């Protein structure tokens, strides 16, 4: 891998990799059981999940190279674990944002002025599949898909979505969020090929619900113009993939959204920072939706403490 020298080159490399997968008809946020052996976000060496653009980027690299492990680490971290990176291993990068304040001219009142400059940095990481001698849990397990209508992870699915205070209607053959009525419309669960597929679709529409004016007030209009709805769809797809990763589910691109592939390619090629914006907004939407179930899970303990007082 050629090391990017600046923010623009980092953004270009990430975008080109994702566009390449889209042009091949594959969405890099689609996580199948057959590839990874188990669902979930990419993990740092100590088990902390990656988020935002790193999640999408490392999924993309794993898809392209056929990695099955969820773990990534630096050569030094591998060495500290008593392991070593293979001689011909392919490096990747973990991306992070940094900033500095550029000094400006003093104002009329003598106050200090300046401009905050934000930029992208990265460091080199390797997938655990490229590292020898790690403990067994760093390598993927074979986990079979869920063939039944009722997901084997149904309790987790129910707990996640039941806590979200969105109005959900079931019936018909369409899935959408109605901004006017402020409700989510879904086909009945039995219409989906599996409980996992139903959860993925509900996650997508819940993402749209989260972006309403009274919630996250998510808009892309000023920046993307006529492409704003396309970027919103991309954000919803990414949010659904993060939800499925949280619940340990496979993610699938819905057939009704396949038409967006070419549109996404055009938007990403025109603006190399677009995928960073979409992934950041998707992470925000995921955290917003997850907060409802986290608050509900914590409520009984809080109530008990109040009663004891």
C-alpha atoms as a PDB file:
ATOM      1  CA  UNK A   1       0.000   0.000   0.000  1.00  0.00           C
ATOM      2  CA  UNK A   2       1.372   3.410  -0.980  1.00  0.00           C
ATOM      3  CA  UNK A   3       1.344   5.664   2.079  1.00  0.00           C
ATOM      4  CA  UNK A   4      -0.930   8.723   1.592  1.00  0.00           C
ATOM      5  CA  UNK A   5       0.856  12.006   2.245  1.00  0.00           C
ATOM      6  CA  UNK A   6      -2.050  14.289   3.211  1.00  0.00           C
ATOM      7  CA  UNK A   7      -5.784  14.535   3.906  1.00  0.00           C
ATOM      8  CA  UNK A   8      -6.662  14.753   0.229  1.00  0.00           C
ATOM      9  CA  UNK A   9      -4.760  11.572  -0.611  1.00  0.00           C
ATOM     10  CA  UNK A  10      -6.304   9.716   2.350  1.00  0.00           C
ATOM     11  CA  UNK A  11      -9.806  10.761   1.260  1.00  0.00           C
ATOM     12  CA  UNK A  12      -9.054   9.811  -2.341  1.00  0.00           C
ATOM     13  CA  UNK A  13      -7.733   6.360  -1.411  1.00  0.00           C
ATOM     14  CA  UNK A  14     -10.723   5.586   0.834  1.00  0.00           C
ATOM     15  CA  UNK A  15     -13.222   6.812  -1.762  1.00  0.00           C
ATOM     16  CA  UNK A  16     -11.555   4.968  -4.650  1.00  0.00           C
ATOM     17  CA  UNK A  17     -11.573   1.692  -2.711  1.00  0.00           C
ATOM     18  CA  UNK A  18     -15.269   2.030  -1.884  1.00  0.00           C
ATOM     19  CA  UNK A  19     -16.172   3.134  -5.409  1.00  0.00           C
ATOM     20  CA  UNK A  20     -14.305   0.131  -6.808  1.00  0.00           C
ATOM     21  CA  UNK A  21     -16.466  -2.207  -4.715  1.00  0.00           C
ATOM     22  CA  UNK A  22     -19.655  -0.394  -5.744  1.00  0.00           C
ATOM     23  CA  UNK A  23     -18.721  -0.579  -9.429  1.00  0.00           C
ATOM     24  CA  UNK A  24     -18.239  -4.327  -8.988  1.00  0.00           C
ATOM     25  CA  UNK A  25     -21.829  -4.490  -7.689  1.00  0.00           C
ATOM     26  CA  UNK A  26     -20.773  -5.080  -4.081  1.00  0.00           C
ATOM     27  CA  UNK A  27     -21.518  -2.800  -1.161  1.00  0.00           C
ATOM     28  CA  UNK A  28     -18.618  -2.927   1.310  1.00  0.00           C
ATOM     29  CA  UNK A  29     -20.974  -2.459   4.263  1.00  0.00           C
ATOM     30  CA  UNK A  30     -22.755  -5.706   3.357  1.00  0.00           C
ATOM     31  CA  UNK A  31     -21.480  -8.224   5.860  1.00  0.00           C
ATOM     32  CA  UNK A  32     -22.236 -11.840   5.013  1.00  0.00           C
ATOM     33  CA  UNK A  33     -21.670 -14.710   7.410  1.00  0.00           C
ATOM     34  CA  UNK A  34     -19.805 -16.653   4.735  1.00  0.00           C
ATOM     35  CA  UNK A  35     -17.044 -14.042   4.535  1.00  0.00           C
ATOM     36  CA  UNK A  36     -16.261 -13.166   8.130  1.00  0.00           C
ATOM     37  CA  UNK A  37     -17.536 -16.209  10.000  1.00  0.00           C
ATOM     38  CA  UNK A  38     -19.132 -13.819  12.483  1.00  0.00           C
ATOM     39  CA  UNK A  39     -20.778 -10.427  12.356  1.00  0.00           C
ATOM     40  CA  UNK A  40     -19.822  -7.166  14.001  1.00  0.00           C
ATOM     41  CA  UNK A  41     -17.629  -4.135  13.573  1.00  0.00           C
ATOM     42  CA  UNK A  42     -13.879  -4.300  13.021  1.00  0.00           C
ATOM     43  CA  UNK A  43     -12.028  -4.441  16.338  1.00  0.00           C
ATOM     44  CA  UNK A  44      -8.793  -2.968  17.639  1.00  0.00           C
ATOM     45  CA  UNK A  45      -6.296  -5.336  19.221  1.00  0.00           C
ATOM     46  CA  UNK A  46      -7.815  -4.906  22.708  1.00  0.00           C
ATOM     47  CA  UNK A  47     -11.371  -5.492  21.419  1.00  0.00           C
ATOM     48  CA  UNK A  48     -12.576  -1.878  21.099  1.00  0.00           C
ATOM     49  CA  UNK A  49     -14.812  -1.485  18.015  1.00  0.00           C
ATOM     50  CA  UNK A  50     -13.824   0.913  15.253  1.00  0.00           C
ATOM     51  CA  UNK A  51     -16.471   3.447  14.304  1.00  0.00           C
ATOM     52  CA  UNK A  52     -17.259   5.981  11.588  1.00  0.00           C
ATOM     53  CA  UNK A  53     -15.119   5.908   8.475  1.00  0.00           C
ATOM     54  CA  UNK A  54     -12.706   3.340   9.960  1.00  0.00           C
ATOM     55  CA  UNK A  55     -15.531   0.841  10.316  1.00  0.00           C
ATOM     56  CA  UNK A  56     -16.550   1.236   6.677  1.00  0.00           C
ATOM     57  CA  UNK A  57     -12.960   1.438   5.422  1.00  0.00           C
ATOM     58  CA  UNK A  58     -11.755  -1.703   7.199  1.00  0.00           C
ATOM     59  CA  UNK A  59     -14.883  -3.573   6.103  1.00  0.00           C
ATOM     60  CA  UNK A  60     -13.985  -2.559   2.535  1.00  0.00           C
ATOM     61  CA  UNK A  61     -10.395  -3.772   2.865  1.00  0.00           C
ATOM     62  CA  UNK A  62     -11.508  -7.032   4.502  1.00  0.00           C
ATOM     63  CA  UNK A  63     -13.974  -7.666   1.681  1.00  0.00           C
ATOM     64  CA  UNK A  64     -11.421  -6.954  -1.014  1.00  0.00           C
ATOM     65  CA  UNK A  65      -8.705  -9.137   0.507  1.00  0.00           C
ATOM     66  CA  UNK A  66     -10.916 -11.886   1.891  1.00  0.00           C
ATOM     67  CA  UNK A  67      -9.992 -11.412   5.555  1.00  0.00           C
ATOM     68  CA  UNK A  68     -12.181 -13.244   8.039  1.00  0.00           C
ATOM     69  CA  UNK A  69     -10.875 -11.890  11.346  1.00  0.00           C
ATOM     70  CA  UNK A  70     -12.435  -8.775  12.846  1.00  0.00           C
ATOM     71  CA  UNK A  71      -9.201  -7.732  14.591  1.00  0.00           C
ATOM     72  CA  UNK A  72      -6.668  -5.154  13.379  1.00  0.00           C
ATOM     73  CA  UNK A  73      -3.458  -3.974  15.049  1.00  0.00           C
ATOM     74  CA  UNK A  74      -0.068  -2.382  14.490  1.00  0.00           C
ATOM     75  CA  UNK A  75       3.091  -4.448  14.112  1.00  0.00           C
ATOM     76  CA  UNK A  76       4.203  -3.234  17.537  1.00  0.00           C
ATOM     77  CA  UNK A  77       0.935  -4.353  19.153  1.00  0.00           C
ATOM     78  CA  UNK A  78       1.316  -7.775  17.531  1.00  0.00           C
ATOM     79  CA  UNK A  79       4.863  -7.994  18.869  1.00  0.00           C
ATOM     80  CA  UNK A  80       3.664  -7.130  22.389  1.00  0.00           C
ATOM     81  CA  UNK A  81       1.241 -10.057  22.136  1.00  0.00           C
ATOM     82  CA  UNK A  82       4.090 -12.395  21.254  1.00  0.00           C
ATOM     83  CA  UNK A  83       3.075 -12.599  17.594  1.00  0.00           C
ATOM     84  CA  UNK A  84       4.582 -11.326  14.341  1.00  0.00           C
ATOM     85  CA  UNK A  85       3.303  -9.870  11.090  1.00  0.00           C
ATOM     86  CA  UNK A  86       3.974 -12.079   8.075  1.00  0.00           C
ATOM     87  CA  UNK A  87       6.786 -10.881   5.827  1.00  0.00           C
ATOM     88  CA  UNK A  88       4.580 -10.259   2.772  1.00  0.00           C
ATOM     89  CA  UNK A  89       1.547  -8.987   4.700  1.00  0.00           C
ATOM     90  CA  UNK A  90      -0.491  -6.213   3.118  1.00  0.00           C
ATOM     91  CA  UNK A  91      -0.702  -3.153   5.365  1.00  0.00           C
ATOM     92  CA  UNK A  92      -3.770  -0.994   5.721  1.00  0.00           C
ATOM     93  CA  UNK A  93      -4.403   2.264   7.560  1.00  0.00           C
ATOM     94  CA  UNK A  94      -6.419   3.399  10.524  1.00  0.00           C
ATOM     95  CA  UNK A  95      -7.623   6.966  10.016  1.00  0.00           C
ATOM     96  CA  UNK A  96      -8.067   9.668  12.601  1.00  0.00           C
ATOM     97  CA  UNK A  97      -8.752  13.409  12.541  1.00  0.00           C
ATOM     98  CA  UNK A  98      -6.431  15.987  14.010  1.00  0.00           C
ATOM     99  CA  UNK A  99      -6.309  19.771  14.028  1.00  0.00           C
ATOM    100  CA  UNK A 100      -4.182  22.810  14.746  1.00  0.00           C
ATOM    101  CA  UNK A 101      -4.913  26.492  15.112  1.00  0.00           C
ATOM    102  CA  UNK A 102      -3.292  28.772  12.570  1.00  0.00           C
ATOM    103  CA  UNK A 103      -2.327  32.119  14.018  1.00  0.00           C
ATOM    104  CA  UNK A 104      -4.019  35.168  12.521  1.00  0.00           C
ATOM    105  CA  UNK A 105      -3.766  38.918  12.723  1.00  0.00           C
ATOM    106  CA  UNK A 106      -4.747  40.682  15.980  1.00  0.00           C
ATOM    107  CA  UNK A 107      -8.229  42.214  15.951  1.00  0.00           C
ATOM    108  CA  UNK A 108      -9.079  45.882  16.458  1.00  0.00           C
ATOM    109  CA  UNK A 109      -9.260  45.366  20.204  1.00  0.00           C
ATOM    110  CA  UNK A 110      -6.039  43.417  20.301  1.00  0.00           C
ATOM    111  CA  UNK A 111      -7.770  40.039  20.717  1.00  0.00           C
ATOM    112  CA  UNK A 112      -6.070  36.958  19.319  1.00  0.00           C
ATOM    113  CA  UNK A 113      -7.523  35.507  16.151  1.00  0.00           C
ATOM    114  CA  UNK A 114      -6.850  32.316  14.352  1.00  0.00           C
ATOM    115  CA  UNK A 115      -8.262  29.600  12.155  1.00  0.00           C
ATOM    116  CA  UNK A 116      -8.811  25.999  13.240  1.00  0.00           C
ATOM    117  CA  UNK A 117      -7.398  23.711  10.566  1.00  0.00           C
ATOM    118  CA  UNK A 118      -8.655  20.130  10.542  1.00  0.00           C
ATOM    119  CA  UNK A 119      -6.881  17.356   8.691  1.00  0.00           C
ATOM    120  CA  UNK A 120      -6.690  13.568   8.434  1.00  0.00           C
ATOM    121  CA  UNK A 121      -3.858  11.417   9.745  1.00  0.00           C
ATOM    122  CA  UNK A 122      -3.318   7.660   9.688  1.00  0.00           C
ATOM    123  CA  UNK A 123      -1.160   4.859  11.028  1.00  0.00           C
ATOM    124  CA  UNK A 124      -0.458   1.401   9.633  1.00  0.00           C
ATOM    125  CA  UNK A 125      -2.430  -1.629  10.830  1.00  0.00           C
ATOM    126  CA  UNK A 126      -2.667  -5.280   9.812  1.00  0.00           C
ATOM    127  CA  UNK A 127      -5.534  -7.732   9.935  1.00  0.00           C
ATOM    128  CA  UNK A 128      -5.080 -10.638  12.343  1.00  0.00           C
ATOM    129  CA  UNK A 129      -5.228 -13.005   9.357  1.00  0.00           C
ATOM    130  CA  UNK A 130      -1.842 -11.551   8.359  1.00  0.00           C
ATOM    131  CA  UNK A 131      -0.344 -12.147  11.811  1.00  0.00           C
ATOM    132  CA  UNK A 132       1.064 -15.410  13.148  1.00  0.00           C
ATOM    133  CA  UNK A 133       1.053 -16.522  16.778  1.00  0.00           C
ATOM    134  CA  UNK A 134      -1.943 -14.624  18.153  1.00  0.00           C
ATOM    135  CA  UNK A 135      -4.284 -16.222  20.709  1.00  0.00           C
ATOM    136  CA  UNK A 136      -7.038 -18.246  19.048  1.00  0.00           C
ATOM    137  CA  UNK A 137      -9.820 -15.737  19.716  1.00  0.00           C
ATOM    138  CA  UNK A 138      -8.249 -13.272  17.258  1.00  0.00           C
ATOM    139  CA  UNK A 139      -9.098 -15.592  14.379  1.00  0.00           C
ATOM    140  CA  UNK A 140     -12.607 -16.030  12.965  1.00  0.00           C
ATOM    141  CA  UNK A 141     -14.955 -18.790  14.028  1.00  0.00           C
ATOM    142  CA  UNK A 142     -17.338 -20.440  11.600  1.00  0.00           C
ATOM    143  CA  UNK A 143     -20.844 -19.291  12.512  1.00  0.00           C
ATOM    144  CA  UNK A 144     -23.715 -20.594  10.373  1.00  0.00           C
ATOM    145  CA  UNK A 145     -26.343 -18.215   8.958  1.00  0.00           C
ATOM    146  CA  UNK A 146     -29.834 -18.026  10.429  1.00  0.00           C
ATOM    147  CA  UNK A 147     -32.106 -19.925   8.018  1.00  0.00           C
ATOM    148  CA  UNK A 148     -35.315 -19.576   9.985  1.00  0.00           C
ATOM    149  CA  UNK A 149     -37.857 -16.766   9.910  1.00  0.00           C
ATOM    150  CA  UNK A 150     -37.464 -16.125  13.619  1.00  0.00           C
ATOM    151  CA  UNK A 151     -33.928 -14.928  14.137  1.00  0.00           C
ATOM    152  CA  UNK A 152     -31.738 -16.734  16.665  1.00  0.00           C
ATOM    153  CA  UNK A 153     -30.944 -13.218  17.850  1.00  0.00           C
ATOM    154  CA  UNK A 154     -34.584 -12.188  18.157  1.00  0.00           C
ATOM    155  CA  UNK A 155     -34.311 -11.098  21.791  1.00  0.00           C
ATOM    156  CA  UNK A 156     -31.578  -8.600  20.874  1.00  0.00           C
ATOM    157  CA  UNK A 157     -33.565  -7.371  17.862  1.00  0.00           C
ATOM    158  CA  UNK A 158     -36.727  -6.894  19.915  1.00  0.00           C
ATOM    159  CA  UNK A 159     -34.903  -5.095  22.724  1.00  0.00           C
ATOM    160  CA  UNK A 160     -33.210  -2.693  20.318  1.00  0.00           C
ATOM    161  CA  UNK A 161     -36.252  -1.683  18.264  1.00  0.00           C
ATOM    162  CA  UNK A 162     -38.923  -1.818  20.981  1.00  0.00           C
ATOM    163  CA  UNK A 163     -37.161   0.974  22.863  1.00  0.00           C
ATOM    164  CA  UNK A 164     -37.201   3.354  19.881  1.00  0.00           C
ATOM    165  CA  UNK A 165     -40.339   5.558  20.184  1.00  0.00           C
ATOM    166  CA  UNK A 166     -41.113   5.529  16.465  1.00  0.00           C
ATOM    167  CA  UNK A 167     -44.597   4.730  15.199  1.00  0.00           C
ATOM    168  CA  UNK A 168     -44.340   1.604  13.042  1.00  0.00           C
ATOM    169  CA  UNK A 169     -47.137   0.391  10.784  1.00  0.00           C
ATOM    170  CA  UNK A 170     -47.169  -3.045   9.185  1.00  0.00           C
ATOM    171  CA  UNK A 171     -48.889  -4.000   5.962  1.00  0.00           C
ATOM    172  CA  UNK A 172     -48.551  -3.730   2.207  1.00  0.00           C
ATOM    173  CA  UNK A 173     -45.423  -4.438   0.225  1.00  0.00           C
ATOM    174  CA  UNK A 174     -43.399  -1.249   0.708  1.00  0.00           C
ATOM    175  CA  UNK A 175     -40.895  -0.083   3.314  1.00  0.00           C
ATOM    176  CA  UNK A 176     -40.479   3.655   3.863  1.00  0.00           C
ATOM    177  CA  UNK A 177     -40.465   6.481   6.387  1.00  0.00           C
ATOM    178  CA  UNK A 178     -43.202   9.088   5.959  1.00  0.00           C
ATOM    179  CA  UNK A 179     -41.933  12.559   6.986  1.00  0.00           C
ATOM    180  CA  UNK A 180     -45.459  13.989   6.768  1.00  0.00           C
ATOM    181  CA  UNK A 181     -47.065  11.369   8.979  1.00  0.00           C
ATOM    182  CA  UNK A 182     -43.869  10.765  10.977  1.00  0.00           C
ATOM    183  CA  UNK A 183     -44.216   6.984  10.889  1.00  0.00           C
ATOM    184  CA  UNK A 184     -42.371   3.969   9.512  1.00  0.00           C
ATOM    185  CA  UNK A 185     -44.241   1.689   7.123  1.00  0.00           C
ATOM    186  CA  UNK A 186     -43.047  -1.914   6.776  1.00  0.00           C
ATOM    187  CA  UNK A 187     -44.398  -5.114   5.239  1.00  0.00           C
ATOM    188  CA  UNK A 188     -45.450  -7.660   7.843  1.00  0.00           C
ATOM    189  CA  UNK A 189     -42.509  -9.603   9.321  1.00  0.00           C
ATOM    190  CA  UNK A 190     -43.700 -12.799   7.641  1.00  0.00           C
ATOM    191  CA  UNK A 191     -43.139 -11.155   4.241  1.00  0.00           C
ATOM    192  CA  UNK A 192     -39.374 -11.119   4.750  1.00  0.00           C
ATOM    193  CA  UNK A 193     -37.152 -14.103   4.035  1.00  0.00           C
ATOM    194  CA  UNK A 194     -35.820 -14.015   7.601  1.00  0.00           C
ATOM    195  CA  UNK A 195     -36.073 -12.164  10.882  1.00  0.00           C
ATOM    196  CA  UNK A 196     -32.598 -10.817  10.201  1.00  0.00           C
ATOM    197  CA  UNK A 197     -33.729  -9.310   6.875  1.00  0.00           C
ATOM    198  CA  UNK A 198     -36.683  -7.659   8.611  1.00  0.00           C
ATOM    199  CA  UNK A 199     -34.345  -6.147  11.220  1.00  0.00           C
ATOM    200  CA  UNK A 200     -32.021  -4.802   8.530  1.00  0.00           C
ATOM    201  CA  UNK A 201     -34.907  -3.101   6.713  1.00  0.00           C
ATOM    202  CA  UNK A 202     -36.340  -1.700   9.936  1.00  0.00           C
ATOM    203  CA  UNK A 203     -32.909  -0.340  10.798  1.00  0.00           C
ATOM    204  CA  UNK A 204     -32.732   1.448   7.450  1.00  0.00           C
ATOM    205  CA  UNK A 205     -36.118   3.126   7.897  1.00  0.00           C
ATOM    206  CA  UNK A 206     -35.375   3.923  11.547  1.00  0.00           C
ATOM    207  CA  UNK A 207     -32.326   5.801  10.310  1.00  0.00           C
ATOM    208  CA  UNK A 208     -34.558   7.989   8.128  1.00  0.00           C
ATOM    209  CA  UNK A 209     -36.842   8.539  11.142  1.00  0.00           C
ATOM    210  CA  UNK A 210     -33.882   9.700  13.240  1.00  0.00           C
ATOM    211  CA  UNK A 211     -33.047  12.435  10.761  1.00  0.00           C
ATOM    212  CA  UNK A 212     -36.337  14.336  11.052  1.00  0.00           C
ATOM    213  CA  UNK A 213     -36.354  18.019  11.955  1.00  0.00           C
ATOM    214  CA  UNK A 214     -37.475  17.321  15.535  1.00  0.00           C
ATOM    215  CA  UNK A 215     -34.678  14.786  16.113  1.00  0.00           C
ATOM    216  CA  UNK A 216     -31.238  15.002  14.494  1.00  0.00           C
ATOM    217  CA  UNK A 217     -32.404  17.487  11.850  1.00  0.00           C
ATOM    218  CA  UNK A 218     -30.179  15.823   9.263  1.00  0.00           C
ATOM    219  CA  UNK A 219     -30.031  17.616   5.925  1.00  0.00           C
ATOM    220  CA  UNK A 220     -27.664  17.316   2.985  1.00  0.00           C
ATOM    221  CA  UNK A 221     -29.399  19.812   0.695  1.00  0.00           C
ATOM    222  CA  UNK A 222     -27.073  22.797   0.859  1.00  0.00           C
ATOM    223  CA  UNK A 223     -23.956  20.769   0.166  1.00  0.00           C
ATOM    224  CA  UNK A 224     -25.179  18.070  -2.210  1.00  0.00           C
ATOM    225  CA  UNK A 225     -28.142  19.794  -3.888  1.00  0.00           C
ATOM    226  CA  UNK A 226     -29.990  17.379  -6.171  1.00  0.00           C
ATOM    227  CA  UNK A 227     -27.917  14.509  -4.759  1.00  0.00           C
ATOM    228  CA  UNK A 228     -29.075  15.137  -1.181  1.00  0.00           C
ATOM    229  CA  UNK A 229     -31.633  12.315  -1.162  1.00  0.00           C
ATOM    230  CA  UNK A 230     -29.060   9.914  -2.597  1.00  0.00           C
ATOM    231  CA  UNK A 231     -26.661  10.772   0.245  1.00  0.00           C
ATOM    232  CA  UNK A 232     -29.477  10.362   2.783  1.00  0.00           C
ATOM    233  CA  UNK A 233     -30.097   6.872   1.397  1.00  0.00           C
ATOM    234  CA  UNK A 234     -26.396   6.107   1.719  1.00  0.00           C
ATOM    235  CA  UNK A 235     -26.469   7.347   5.318  1.00  0.00           C
ATOM    236  CA  UNK A 236     -29.473   5.121   6.070  1.00  0.00           C
ATOM    237  CA  UNK A 237     -27.751   2.099   4.511  1.00  0.00           C
ATOM    238  CA  UNK A 238     -24.669   2.660   6.638  1.00  0.00           C
ATOM    239  CA  UNK A 239     -26.772   3.164   9.780  1.00  0.00           C
ATOM    240  CA  UNK A 240     -28.555  -0.131   9.126  1.00  0.00           C
ATOM    241  CA  UNK A 241     -25.188  -1.861   8.740  1.00  0.00           C
ATOM    242  CA  UNK A 242     -24.002  -0.446  12.081  1.00  0.00           C
ATOM    243  CA  UNK A 243     -27.232  -1.609  13.758  1.00  0.00           C
ATOM    244  CA  UNK A 244     -26.824  -5.094  12.311  1.00  0.00           C
ATOM    245  CA  UNK A 245     -23.197  -5.173  13.432  1.00  0.00           C
ATOM    246  CA  UNK A 246     -24.322  -4.211  16.944  1.00  0.00           C
ATOM    247  CA  UNK A 247     -26.894  -7.022  16.972  1.00  0.00           C
ATOM    248  CA  UNK A 248     -24.586  -9.589  15.374  1.00  0.00           C
ATOM    249  CA  UNK A 249     -26.664  -9.838  12.202  1.00  0.00           C
ATOM    250  CA  UNK A 250     -25.679 -10.106   8.555  1.00  0.00           C
ATOM    251  CA  UNK A 251     -26.490  -7.018   6.492  1.00  0.00           C
ATOM    252  CA  UNK A 252     -27.994  -7.125   3.032  1.00  0.00           C
ATOM    253  CA  UNK A 253     -28.597  -4.417   0.462  1.00  0.00           C
ATOM    254  CA  UNK A 254     -32.330  -4.201  -0.110  1.00  0.00           C
ATOM    255  CA  UNK A 255     -33.396  -4.845  -3.704  1.00  0.00           C
ATOM    256  CA  UNK A 256     -35.391  -1.611  -3.764  1.00  0.00           C
ATOM    257  CA  UNK A 257     -32.165   0.341  -3.196  1.00  0.00           C
ATOM    258  CA  UNK A 258     -30.012  -1.376  -5.811  1.00  0.00           C
ATOM    259  CA  UNK A 259     -30.762   1.485  -8.209  1.00  0.00           C
ATOM    260  CA  UNK A 260     -28.748   3.824  -6.000  1.00  0.00           C
ATOM    261  CA  UNK A 261     -25.456   2.055  -6.717  1.00  0.00           C
ATOM    262  CA  UNK A 262     -24.615   4.039  -9.860  1.00  0.00           C
ATOM    263  CA  UNK A 263     -25.797   7.250  -8.223  1.00  0.00           C
ATOM    264  CA  UNK A 264     -23.584   6.655  -5.176  1.00  0.00           C
ATOM    265  CA  UNK A 265     -20.594   6.054  -7.444  1.00  0.00           C
ATOM    266  CA  UNK A 266     -21.172   9.370  -9.222  1.00  0.00           C
ATOM    267  CA  UNK A 267     -21.560  11.333  -5.973  1.00  0.00           C
ATOM    268  CA  UNK A 268     -18.487   9.776  -4.336  1.00  0.00           C
ATOM    269  CA  UNK A 269     -16.326  10.357  -7.396  1.00  0.00           C
ATOM    270  CA  UNK A 270     -17.375  14.014  -7.500  1.00  0.00           C
ATOM    271  CA  UNK A 271     -16.676  14.622  -3.802  1.00  0.00           C
ATOM    272  CA  UNK A 272     -14.042  12.497  -2.060  1.00  0.00           C
ATOM    273  CA  UNK A 273     -15.169  13.729   1.352  1.00  0.00           C
ATOM    274  CA  UNK A 274     -18.800  12.651   0.802  1.00  0.00           C
ATOM    275  CA  UNK A 275     -18.295   9.164   2.239  1.00  0.00           C
ATOM    276  CA  UNK A 276     -16.699  10.684   5.357  1.00  0.00           C
ATOM    277  CA  UNK A 277     -19.766  12.909   5.798  1.00  0.00           C
ATOM    278  CA  UNK A 278     -22.211  10.044   5.250  1.00  0.00           C
ATOM    279  CA  UNK A 279     -20.386   7.701   7.632  1.00  0.00           C
ATOM    280  CA  UNK A 280     -20.163  10.376  10.346  1.00  0.00           C
ATOM    281  CA  UNK A 281     -23.886  11.105  10.066  1.00  0.00           C
ATOM    282  CA  UNK A 282     -24.627   7.366  10.096  1.00  0.00           C
ATOM    283  CA  UNK A 283     -22.585   6.935  13.267  1.00  0.00           C
ATOM    284  CA  UNK A 284     -24.544   9.814  14.830  1.00  0.00           C
ATOM    285  CA  UNK A 285     -27.856   8.213  13.802  1.00  0.00           C
ATOM    286  CA  UNK A 286     -26.780   4.820  15.161  1.00  0.00           C
ATOM    287  CA  UNK A 287     -25.756   6.313  18.506  1.00  0.00           C
ATOM    288  CA  UNK A 288     -29.056   8.208  18.689  1.00  0.00           C
ATOM    289  CA  UNK A 289     -31.112   5.054  18.056  1.00  0.00           C
ATOM    290  CA  UNK A 290     -29.028   2.859  20.342  1.00  0.00           C
ATOM    291  CA  UNK A 291     -29.356   5.351  23.208  1.00  0.00           C
ATOM    292  CA  UNK A 292     -33.034   4.445  23.641  1.00  0.00           C
ATOM    293  CA  UNK A 293     -32.320   0.786  24.450  1.00  0.00           C
ATOM    294  CA  UNK A 294     -29.313   1.705  26.585  1.00  0.00           C
ATOM    295  CA  UNK A 295     -31.460   4.105  28.622  1.00  0.00           C
ATOM    296  CA  UNK A 296     -34.198   1.502  29.011  1.00  0.00           C
ATOM    297  CA  UNK A 297     -31.697  -1.137  30.138  1.00  0.00           C
ATOM    298  CA  UNK A 298     -30.277   1.251  32.729  1.00  0.00           C
ATOM    299  CA  UNK A 299     -33.671   2.458  33.994  1.00  0.00           C
ATOM    300  CA  UNK A 300     -34.452  -0.408  36.437  1.00  0.00           C
ATOM    301  CA  UNK A 301     -31.108   0.033  38.230  1.00  0.00           C
ATOM    302  CA  UNK A 302     -31.697   3.771  38.454  1.00  0.00           C
ATOM    303  CA  UNK A 303     -35.222   3.289  39.802  1.00  0.00           C
ATOM    304  CA  UNK A 304     -33.934   0.872  42.408  1.00  0.00           C
ATOM    305  CA  UNK A 305     -31.356   3.378  43.603  1.00  0.00           C
ATOM    306  CA  UNK A 306     -34.021   6.083  43.927  1.00  0.00           C
ATOM    307  CA  UNK A 307     -36.247   3.734  45.918  1.00  0.00           C
ATOM    308  CA  UNK A 308     -33.392   2.847  48.258  1.00  0.00           C
ATOM    309  CA  UNK A 309     -32.711   6.528  48.898  1.00  0.00           C
END
